[in-house]
């Protein structure tokens, strides 16, 4: 268990974190704002034959082709219909730009590292623990912090 704690501590520091908060179903997730390039309305997405089922396809964003991933499918959650609130969060992870389909984006928050805990085992049983950095406590809400590096590692094209 100590090894897991050490690994967790490597992912989180005690400083202030700026996070973009979005929802998938009833859960709220957050990613580091420094990894978010922009948030766009749902564009026309072109399917890619024989791509993994969680890859929705590609979009043309101002002349650049970007892979779009369906986070619901990536996490094995039940898929929702696209609505007017649906967005694509365009992220840049160490030079790899990818779009993440989310149900809605709600806000940008600041969260102290001391308000971030290790992900409870019950959550890591339903979502691959490698995809998660921890759980942020914000007043009466819990935010699941995502490890984007591991989420996109298999989809880099």
N, C-alpha and C. Protein backbone atom coordinates (compact mmCIF):
# COMPACT_ATOMS: atom_id res chain seq x y z
N UNK A 1 0.83 -1.20 0.00
CA UNK A 1 0.00 0.00 0.00
C UNK A 1 0.87 1.26 0.00
N UNK A 2 2.02 1.20 0.64
CA UNK A 2 2.91 2.36 0.68
C UNK A 2 3.34 2.74 -0.72
N UNK A 3 3.58 1.76 -1.57
CA UNK A 3 3.97 2.04 -2.95
C UNK A 3 2.90 2.84 -3.68
N UNK A 4 1.63 2.46 -3.47
CA UNK A 4 0.51 3.18 -4.09
C UNK A 4 0.47 4.62 -3.58
N UNK A 5 0.69 4.82 -2.28
CA UNK A 5 0.70 6.15 -1.71
C UNK A 5 1.83 7.00 -2.28
N UNK A 6 3.02 6.40 -2.42
CA UNK A 6 4.15 7.14 -2.99
C UNK A 6 3.83 7.55 -4.41
N UNK A 7 3.26 6.63 -5.18
CA UNK A 7 2.90 6.93 -6.57
C UNK A 7 1.88 8.06 -6.60
N UNK A 8 0.90 8.03 -5.70
CA UNK A 8 -0.11 9.08 -5.60
C UNK A 8 0.54 10.42 -5.29
N UNK A 9 1.44 10.44 -4.34
CA UNK A 9 2.08 11.69 -3.95
C UNK A 9 2.89 12.29 -5.10
N UNK A 10 3.42 11.44 -5.98
CA UNK A 10 4.16 11.94 -7.14
C UNK A 10 3.25 12.69 -8.09
N UNK A 11 1.97 12.31 -8.15
CA UNK A 11 1.02 12.92 -9.08
C UNK A 11 0.46 14.25 -8.59
N UNK A 12 0.47 14.49 -7.29
CA UNK A 12 -0.19 15.65 -6.70
C UNK A 12 0.82 16.43 -5.86
N UNK A 13 0.81 17.76 -5.99
CA UNK A 13 1.63 18.55 -5.08
C UNK A 13 0.70 19.39 -4.20
N UNK A 14 1.29 20.03 -3.19
CA UNK A 14 0.46 20.72 -2.20
C UNK A 14 0.03 22.11 -2.66
N UNK A 15 0.48 22.55 -3.81
CA UNK A 15 0.17 23.90 -4.28
C UNK A 15 -1.24 24.01 -4.81
N UNK A 16 -1.61 25.21 -5.19
CA UNK A 16 -2.92 25.49 -5.74
C UNK A 16 -3.02 24.93 -7.16
N UNK A 17 -4.10 24.22 -7.43
CA UNK A 17 -4.34 23.65 -8.75
C UNK A 17 -5.50 24.40 -9.40
N UNK A 18 -5.32 24.77 -10.68
CA UNK A 18 -6.43 25.33 -11.43
C UNK A 18 -6.96 24.22 -12.31
N UNK A 19 -8.25 23.96 -12.19
CA UNK A 19 -8.85 22.81 -12.84
C UNK A 19 -10.07 23.20 -13.66
N UNK A 20 -10.24 22.55 -14.81
CA UNK A 20 -11.46 22.68 -15.60
C UNK A 20 -12.37 21.54 -15.17
N UNK A 21 -13.59 21.87 -14.76
CA UNK A 21 -14.55 20.88 -14.27
C UNK A 21 -15.58 20.59 -15.35
N UNK A 22 -15.82 19.28 -15.58
CA UNK A 22 -16.84 18.88 -16.55
C UNK A 22 -17.57 17.65 -16.04
N UNK A 23 -18.70 17.35 -16.66
CA UNK A 23 -19.48 16.21 -16.20
C UNK A 23 -19.59 15.14 -17.27
N UNK A 24 -19.67 13.91 -16.78
CA UNK A 24 -20.00 12.73 -17.57
C UNK A 24 -21.10 12.06 -16.76
N UNK A 25 -22.31 12.10 -17.26
CA UNK A 25 -23.42 11.57 -16.48
C UNK A 25 -23.57 12.36 -15.20
N UNK A 26 -23.66 11.66 -14.06
CA UNK A 26 -23.85 12.36 -12.78
C UNK A 26 -22.52 12.67 -12.10
N UNK A 27 -21.41 12.18 -12.65
CA UNK A 27 -20.10 12.40 -12.03
C UNK A 27 -19.45 13.67 -12.55
N UNK A 28 -18.69 14.33 -11.66
CA UNK A 28 -17.91 15.50 -12.05
C UNK A 28 -16.44 15.12 -12.10
N UNK A 29 -15.79 15.51 -13.18
CA UNK A 29 -14.38 15.24 -13.38
C UNK A 29 -13.65 16.56 -13.53
N UNK A 30 -12.32 16.53 -13.37
CA UNK A 30 -11.53 17.74 -13.53
C UNK A 30 -10.19 17.40 -14.14
N UNK A 31 -9.67 18.35 -14.94
CA UNK A 31 -8.33 18.22 -15.52
C UNK A 31 -7.59 19.54 -15.30
N UNK A 32 -6.28 19.45 -15.27
CA UNK A 32 -5.44 20.63 -15.08
C UNK A 32 -5.66 21.61 -16.22
N UNK A 33 -5.92 22.87 -15.90
CA UNK A 33 -6.20 23.87 -16.92
C UNK A 33 -5.02 24.07 -17.87
N UNK A 34 -3.81 23.79 -17.40
CA UNK A 34 -2.63 23.96 -18.24
C UNK A 34 -2.62 22.97 -19.41
N UNK A 35 -3.39 21.88 -19.30
CA UNK A 35 -3.46 20.90 -20.38
C UNK A 35 -4.60 21.19 -21.35
N UNK A 36 -5.49 22.12 -20.99
CA UNK A 36 -6.65 22.42 -21.84
C UNK A 36 -6.29 23.54 -22.81
N UNK A 37 -6.41 23.23 -24.11
CA UNK A 37 -6.16 24.24 -25.13
C UNK A 37 -7.39 25.10 -25.34
N UNK A 38 -8.54 24.44 -25.49
CA UNK A 38 -9.79 25.16 -25.68
C UNK A 38 -10.96 24.20 -25.48
N UNK A 39 -12.14 24.79 -25.38
CA UNK A 39 -13.38 24.03 -25.24
C UNK A 39 -14.29 24.49 -26.37
N UNK A 40 -14.77 23.52 -27.17
CA UNK A 40 -15.58 23.87 -28.33
C UNK A 40 -16.91 23.13 -28.31
N UNK A 41 -17.89 23.69 -29.03
CA UNK A 41 -19.17 23.00 -29.22
C UNK A 41 -18.92 21.77 -30.08
N UNK A 42 -19.86 20.83 -30.05
CA UNK A 42 -19.70 19.60 -30.81
C UNK A 42 -19.64 19.89 -32.31
N UNK A 43 -18.50 19.59 -32.94
CA UNK A 43 -18.39 19.78 -34.39
C UNK A 43 -18.83 18.51 -35.12
N UNK A 44 -18.81 18.54 -36.43
CA UNK A 44 -19.03 17.33 -37.23
C UNK A 44 -17.81 16.44 -37.04
N UNK A 45 -18.04 15.18 -36.67
CA UNK A 45 -16.94 14.26 -36.41
C UNK A 45 -16.93 13.19 -37.49
N UNK A 46 -15.77 12.98 -38.10
CA UNK A 46 -15.62 11.96 -39.14
C UNK A 46 -15.11 10.67 -38.51
N UNK A 47 -15.88 9.59 -38.68
CA UNK A 47 -15.49 8.29 -38.13
C UNK A 47 -14.24 7.77 -38.81
N UNK A 48 -13.46 6.98 -38.09
CA UNK A 48 -12.26 6.33 -38.62
C UNK A 48 -12.53 4.83 -38.62
N UNK A 49 -12.51 4.19 -39.79
CA UNK A 49 -12.74 2.74 -39.82
C UNK A 49 -11.71 1.99 -38.98
N UNK A 50 -12.17 0.96 -38.30
CA UNK A 50 -11.34 0.06 -37.48
C UNK A 50 -10.63 0.74 -36.32
N UNK A 51 -11.09 1.90 -35.91
CA UNK A 51 -10.48 2.53 -34.74
C UNK A 51 -11.13 1.94 -33.48
N UNK A 52 -10.46 2.05 -32.33
CA UNK A 52 -11.06 1.55 -31.09
C UNK A 52 -12.44 2.20 -30.87
N UNK A 53 -13.36 1.50 -30.21
CA UNK A 53 -14.72 2.03 -30.07
C UNK A 53 -14.79 3.34 -29.29
N UNK A 54 -13.80 3.63 -28.44
CA UNK A 54 -13.82 4.88 -27.70
C UNK A 54 -13.29 6.06 -28.52
N UNK A 55 -12.75 5.80 -29.71
CA UNK A 55 -12.34 6.89 -30.60
C UNK A 55 -13.54 7.22 -31.48
N UNK A 56 -14.09 8.42 -31.25
CA UNK A 56 -15.29 8.84 -31.99
C UNK A 56 -14.94 9.16 -33.44
N UNK A 57 -13.73 9.63 -33.68
CA UNK A 57 -13.31 9.98 -35.03
C UNK A 57 -12.33 11.14 -34.99
N UNK A 58 -12.34 11.94 -36.06
CA UNK A 58 -11.45 13.09 -36.14
C UNK A 58 -12.24 14.34 -36.52
N UNK A 59 -11.69 15.48 -36.14
CA UNK A 59 -12.25 16.76 -36.53
C UNK A 59 -11.15 17.61 -37.15
N UNK A 60 -11.57 18.60 -37.92
CA UNK A 60 -10.65 19.57 -38.49
C UNK A 60 -10.81 20.84 -37.68
N UNK A 61 -9.81 21.15 -36.88
CA UNK A 61 -9.86 22.35 -36.04
C UNK A 61 -8.86 23.36 -36.59
N UNK A 62 -9.38 24.32 -37.33
CA UNK A 62 -8.55 25.35 -37.97
C UNK A 62 -7.37 24.75 -38.73
N UNK A 63 -7.66 23.74 -39.54
CA UNK A 63 -6.65 23.15 -40.40
C UNK A 63 -5.84 22.02 -39.77
N UNK A 64 -6.05 21.75 -38.50
CA UNK A 64 -5.33 20.66 -37.84
C UNK A 64 -6.30 19.51 -37.56
N UNK A 65 -5.90 18.30 -37.93
CA UNK A 65 -6.73 17.12 -37.70
C UNK A 65 -6.50 16.62 -36.28
N UNK A 66 -7.59 16.48 -35.53
CA UNK A 66 -7.50 16.10 -34.12
C UNK A 66 -8.38 14.88 -33.87
N UNK A 67 -7.82 13.88 -33.19
CA UNK A 67 -8.57 12.69 -32.79
C UNK A 67 -9.51 13.08 -31.65
N UNK A 68 -10.76 12.60 -31.72
CA UNK A 68 -11.74 12.88 -30.68
C UNK A 68 -12.10 11.57 -29.98
N UNK A 69 -11.99 11.58 -28.65
CA UNK A 69 -12.25 10.38 -27.84
C UNK A 69 -13.53 10.56 -27.04
N UNK A 70 -14.32 9.50 -26.97
CA UNK A 70 -15.54 9.48 -26.16
C UNK A 70 -15.16 8.96 -24.77
N UNK A 71 -15.11 9.86 -23.78
CA UNK A 71 -14.69 9.45 -22.44
C UNK A 71 -15.65 8.45 -21.81
N UNK A 72 -16.96 8.56 -22.11
CA UNK A 72 -17.92 7.58 -21.58
C UNK A 72 -17.49 6.16 -21.97
N UNK A 73 -17.18 5.98 -23.24
CA UNK A 73 -16.78 4.64 -23.71
C UNK A 73 -15.42 4.26 -23.17
N UNK A 74 -14.51 5.21 -23.08
CA UNK A 74 -13.16 4.94 -22.58
C UNK A 74 -13.23 4.40 -21.15
N UNK A 75 -14.16 4.95 -20.36
CA UNK A 75 -14.29 4.55 -18.96
C UNK A 75 -15.26 3.40 -18.78
N UNK A 76 -15.90 2.94 -19.85
CA UNK A 76 -16.86 1.85 -19.74
C UNK A 76 -18.15 2.28 -19.09
N UNK A 77 -18.46 3.58 -19.18
CA UNK A 77 -19.71 4.10 -18.61
C UNK A 77 -20.80 4.02 -19.68
N UNK A 78 -22.07 4.11 -19.25
CA UNK A 78 -23.14 4.10 -20.24
C UNK A 78 -23.07 5.39 -21.05
N UNK A 79 -23.23 5.26 -22.35
CA UNK A 79 -23.07 6.39 -23.24
C UNK A 79 -24.34 7.24 -23.27
N UNK A 80 -24.16 8.56 -23.26
CA UNK A 80 -25.28 9.49 -23.31
C UNK A 80 -25.42 10.03 -24.72
N UNK A 81 -26.58 10.59 -25.00
CA UNK A 81 -26.79 11.25 -26.28
C UNK A 81 -26.09 12.60 -26.27
N UNK A 82 -25.68 13.04 -27.44
CA UNK A 82 -25.09 14.36 -27.58
C UNK A 82 -26.21 15.39 -27.44
N UNK A 83 -25.98 16.42 -26.62
CA UNK A 83 -26.98 17.47 -26.39
C UNK A 83 -26.37 18.83 -26.73
N UNK A 84 -27.16 19.88 -26.54
CA UNK A 84 -26.65 21.24 -26.75
C UNK A 84 -25.57 21.59 -25.74
N UNK A 85 -25.56 20.89 -24.59
CA UNK A 85 -24.57 21.13 -23.55
C UNK A 85 -23.25 20.38 -23.81
N UNK A 86 -23.27 19.37 -24.67
CA UNK A 86 -22.07 18.56 -24.94
C UNK A 86 -20.97 19.44 -25.51
N UNK A 87 -19.74 19.12 -25.11
CA UNK A 87 -18.58 19.89 -25.56
C UNK A 87 -17.43 18.94 -25.88
N UNK A 88 -16.48 19.46 -26.65
CA UNK A 88 -15.21 18.78 -26.86
C UNK A 88 -14.15 19.62 -26.14
N UNK A 89 -13.50 19.00 -25.17
CA UNK A 89 -12.40 19.66 -24.46
C UNK A 89 -11.13 19.26 -25.20
N UNK A 90 -10.49 20.24 -25.83
CA UNK A 90 -9.27 19.98 -26.60
C UNK A 90 -8.09 20.13 -25.65
N UNK A 91 -7.34 19.03 -25.47
CA UNK A 91 -6.23 19.02 -24.53
C UNK A 91 -4.92 18.76 -25.26
N UNK A 92 -3.85 19.25 -24.67
CA UNK A 92 -2.50 19.04 -25.20
C UNK A 92 -1.70 18.36 -24.11
N UNK A 93 -1.35 17.10 -24.36
CA UNK A 93 -0.58 16.34 -23.39
C UNK A 93 0.78 16.05 -24.00
N UNK A 94 1.78 16.80 -23.54
CA UNK A 94 3.15 16.62 -24.01
C UNK A 94 3.22 16.60 -25.53
N UNK A 95 2.51 17.55 -26.18
CA UNK A 95 2.57 17.69 -27.63
C UNK A 95 1.52 16.91 -28.40
N UNK A 96 0.79 16.03 -27.74
CA UNK A 96 -0.29 15.29 -28.40
C UNK A 96 -1.60 16.03 -28.13
N UNK A 97 -2.24 16.49 -29.20
CA UNK A 97 -3.50 17.22 -29.07
C UNK A 97 -4.63 16.25 -29.37
N UNK A 98 -5.61 16.20 -28.47
CA UNK A 98 -6.73 15.27 -28.62
C UNK A 98 -7.99 15.94 -28.07
N UNK A 99 -9.14 15.58 -28.60
CA UNK A 99 -10.41 16.11 -28.13
C UNK A 99 -11.11 15.08 -27.26
N UNK A 100 -11.72 15.53 -26.18
CA UNK A 100 -12.45 14.66 -25.26
C UNK A 100 -13.91 15.09 -25.24
N UNK A 101 -14.83 14.18 -25.62
CA UNK A 101 -16.26 14.50 -25.59
C UNK A 101 -16.75 14.38 -24.16
N UNK A 102 -17.37 15.46 -23.66
CA UNK A 102 -17.94 15.48 -22.31
C UNK A 102 -19.38 15.96 -22.39
N UNK A 103 -20.17 15.64 -21.35
CA UNK A 103 -21.58 16.03 -21.35
C UNK A 103 -21.76 17.53 -21.21
N UNK A 104 -20.93 18.15 -20.37
CA UNK A 104 -20.98 19.60 -20.22
C UNK A 104 -19.74 20.05 -19.46
N UNK A 105 -19.36 21.32 -19.66
CA UNK A 105 -18.26 21.93 -18.91
C UNK A 105 -18.90 22.96 -18.00
N UNK A 106 -18.56 22.91 -16.69
CA UNK A 106 -19.26 23.78 -15.77
C UNK A 106 -18.47 25.00 -15.30
N UNK A 107 -17.16 24.81 -15.03
CA UNK A 107 -16.43 25.92 -14.43
C UNK A 107 -14.93 25.66 -14.40
N UNK A 108 -14.21 26.72 -14.04
CA UNK A 108 -12.79 26.60 -13.73
C UNK A 108 -12.66 26.93 -12.26
N UNK A 109 -11.95 26.07 -11.53
CA UNK A 109 -11.82 26.25 -10.07
C UNK A 109 -10.36 26.24 -9.66
N UNK A 110 -10.12 26.72 -8.44
CA UNK A 110 -8.81 26.60 -7.79
C UNK A 110 -8.98 25.64 -6.62
N UNK A 111 -8.04 24.71 -6.50
CA UNK A 111 -8.14 23.70 -5.45
C UNK A 111 -6.76 23.48 -4.85
N UNK A 112 -6.67 23.58 -3.51
CA UNK A 112 -5.42 23.32 -2.81
C UNK A 112 -5.07 21.84 -2.92
N UNK A 113 -3.79 21.54 -3.06
CA UNK A 113 -3.34 20.15 -3.10
C UNK A 113 -3.75 19.38 -1.85
N UNK A 114 -3.87 20.08 -0.72
CA UNK A 114 -4.27 19.42 0.52
C UNK A 114 -5.72 18.94 0.48
N UNK A 115 -6.50 19.43 -0.49
CA UNK A 115 -7.90 19.00 -0.65
C UNK A 115 -8.04 17.88 -1.68
N UNK A 116 -6.92 17.27 -2.03
CA UNK A 116 -6.95 16.17 -3.00
C UNK A 116 -6.51 14.89 -2.29
N UNK A 117 -7.36 13.88 -2.39
CA UNK A 117 -7.09 12.59 -1.75
C UNK A 117 -6.87 11.52 -2.80
N UNK A 118 -6.31 10.42 -2.35
CA UNK A 118 -6.15 9.25 -3.20
C UNK A 118 -7.53 8.75 -3.63
N UNK A 119 -7.63 8.21 -4.84
CA UNK A 119 -8.89 7.71 -5.35
C UNK A 119 -9.34 6.49 -4.56
N UNK A 120 -10.59 6.49 -4.05
CA UNK A 120 -11.07 5.31 -3.31
C UNK A 120 -11.12 4.08 -4.21
N UNK A 121 -10.88 2.93 -3.61
CA UNK A 121 -10.82 1.68 -4.35
C UNK A 121 -12.11 1.38 -5.09
N UNK A 122 -13.24 1.77 -4.55
CA UNK A 122 -14.52 1.48 -5.21
C UNK A 122 -14.62 2.16 -6.57
N UNK A 123 -14.01 3.35 -6.69
CA UNK A 123 -14.01 4.05 -7.97
C UNK A 123 -13.02 3.39 -8.92
N UNK A 124 -11.86 3.00 -8.42
CA UNK A 124 -10.85 2.40 -9.29
C UNK A 124 -11.28 1.03 -9.79
N UNK A 125 -12.30 0.43 -9.16
CA UNK A 125 -12.82 -0.84 -9.66
C UNK A 125 -13.68 -0.62 -10.90
N UNK A 126 -14.33 0.54 -11.01
CA UNK A 126 -15.19 0.79 -12.16
C UNK A 126 -14.47 1.57 -13.26
N UNK A 127 -13.48 2.36 -12.91
CA UNK A 127 -12.68 3.10 -13.88
C UNK A 127 -11.22 2.72 -13.63
N UNK A 128 -10.50 2.38 -14.67
CA UNK A 128 -9.10 1.99 -14.57
C UNK A 128 -8.33 2.99 -13.70
N UNK A 129 -7.71 2.50 -12.64
CA UNK A 129 -7.00 3.36 -11.69
C UNK A 129 -5.91 4.18 -12.37
N UNK A 130 -5.34 3.67 -13.46
CA UNK A 130 -4.29 4.41 -14.17
C UNK A 130 -4.81 5.72 -14.77
N UNK A 131 -6.13 5.82 -14.98
CA UNK A 131 -6.72 7.01 -15.58
C UNK A 131 -6.98 8.12 -14.56
N UNK A 132 -6.78 7.81 -13.28
CA UNK A 132 -7.17 8.75 -12.23
C UNK A 132 -5.97 9.25 -11.44
N UNK A 133 -6.03 10.54 -11.05
CA UNK A 133 -4.97 11.11 -10.21
C UNK A 133 -5.40 11.17 -8.76
N UNK A 134 -6.69 11.36 -8.52
CA UNK A 134 -7.18 11.48 -7.16
C UNK A 134 -8.58 12.03 -7.14
N UNK A 135 -9.04 12.37 -5.95
CA UNK A 135 -10.37 12.96 -5.79
C UNK A 135 -10.21 14.29 -5.06
N UNK A 136 -10.74 15.33 -5.68
CA UNK A 136 -10.69 16.66 -5.08
C UNK A 136 -11.94 16.93 -4.27
N UNK A 137 -11.74 17.52 -3.08
CA UNK A 137 -12.87 17.86 -2.21
C UNK A 137 -13.10 19.36 -2.31
N UNK A 138 -14.30 19.72 -2.74
CA UNK A 138 -14.66 21.12 -2.91
C UNK A 138 -16.00 21.34 -2.22
N UNK A 139 -15.97 21.88 -1.01
CA UNK A 139 -17.18 22.06 -0.20
C UNK A 139 -17.96 20.75 -0.15
N UNK A 140 -19.16 20.71 -0.74
CA UNK A 140 -19.98 19.50 -0.66
C UNK A 140 -19.87 18.63 -1.91
N UNK A 141 -18.87 18.89 -2.75
CA UNK A 141 -18.71 18.15 -4.01
C UNK A 141 -17.40 17.37 -4.03
N UNK A 142 -17.41 16.28 -4.78
CA UNK A 142 -16.20 15.51 -5.03
C UNK A 142 -15.91 15.53 -6.53
N UNK A 143 -14.68 15.83 -6.89
CA UNK A 143 -14.27 15.89 -8.28
C UNK A 143 -13.24 14.79 -8.54
N UNK A 144 -13.45 14.01 -9.57
CA UNK A 144 -12.50 12.96 -9.92
C UNK A 144 -11.46 13.59 -10.84
N UNK A 145 -10.20 13.61 -10.41
CA UNK A 145 -9.13 14.22 -11.18
C UNK A 145 -8.54 13.19 -12.13
N UNK A 146 -8.47 13.55 -13.41
CA UNK A 146 -8.02 12.61 -14.43
C UNK A 146 -6.54 12.73 -14.73
N UNK A 147 -5.93 11.59 -15.01
CA UNK A 147 -4.54 11.52 -15.45
C UNK A 147 -4.58 11.39 -16.97
N UNK A 148 -4.57 12.52 -17.67
CA UNK A 148 -4.73 12.52 -19.12
C UNK A 148 -3.63 11.77 -19.85
N UNK A 149 -2.42 11.79 -19.31
CA UNK A 149 -1.32 11.10 -19.96
C UNK A 149 -1.66 9.62 -20.18
N UNK A 150 -2.24 8.98 -19.17
CA UNK A 150 -2.58 7.56 -19.29
C UNK A 150 -3.84 7.33 -20.11
N UNK A 151 -4.76 8.28 -20.09
CA UNK A 151 -6.00 8.13 -20.86
C UNK A 151 -5.70 8.14 -22.36
N UNK A 152 -4.80 9.02 -22.77
CA UNK A 152 -4.55 9.13 -24.22
C UNK A 152 -3.41 8.24 -24.70
N UNK A 153 -2.67 7.63 -23.81
CA UNK A 153 -1.46 6.91 -24.22
C UNK A 153 -1.72 5.85 -25.30
N UNK A 154 -2.88 5.20 -25.28
CA UNK A 154 -3.17 4.18 -26.27
C UNK A 154 -3.79 4.72 -27.53
N UNK A 155 -4.16 6.02 -27.55
CA UNK A 155 -4.86 6.56 -28.71
C UNK A 155 -3.99 7.48 -29.55
N UNK A 156 -2.77 7.75 -29.13
CA UNK A 156 -1.92 8.65 -29.90
C UNK A 156 -1.79 8.15 -31.33
N UNK A 157 -2.04 9.06 -32.26
CA UNK A 157 -2.01 8.68 -33.67
C UNK A 157 -1.02 9.54 -34.43
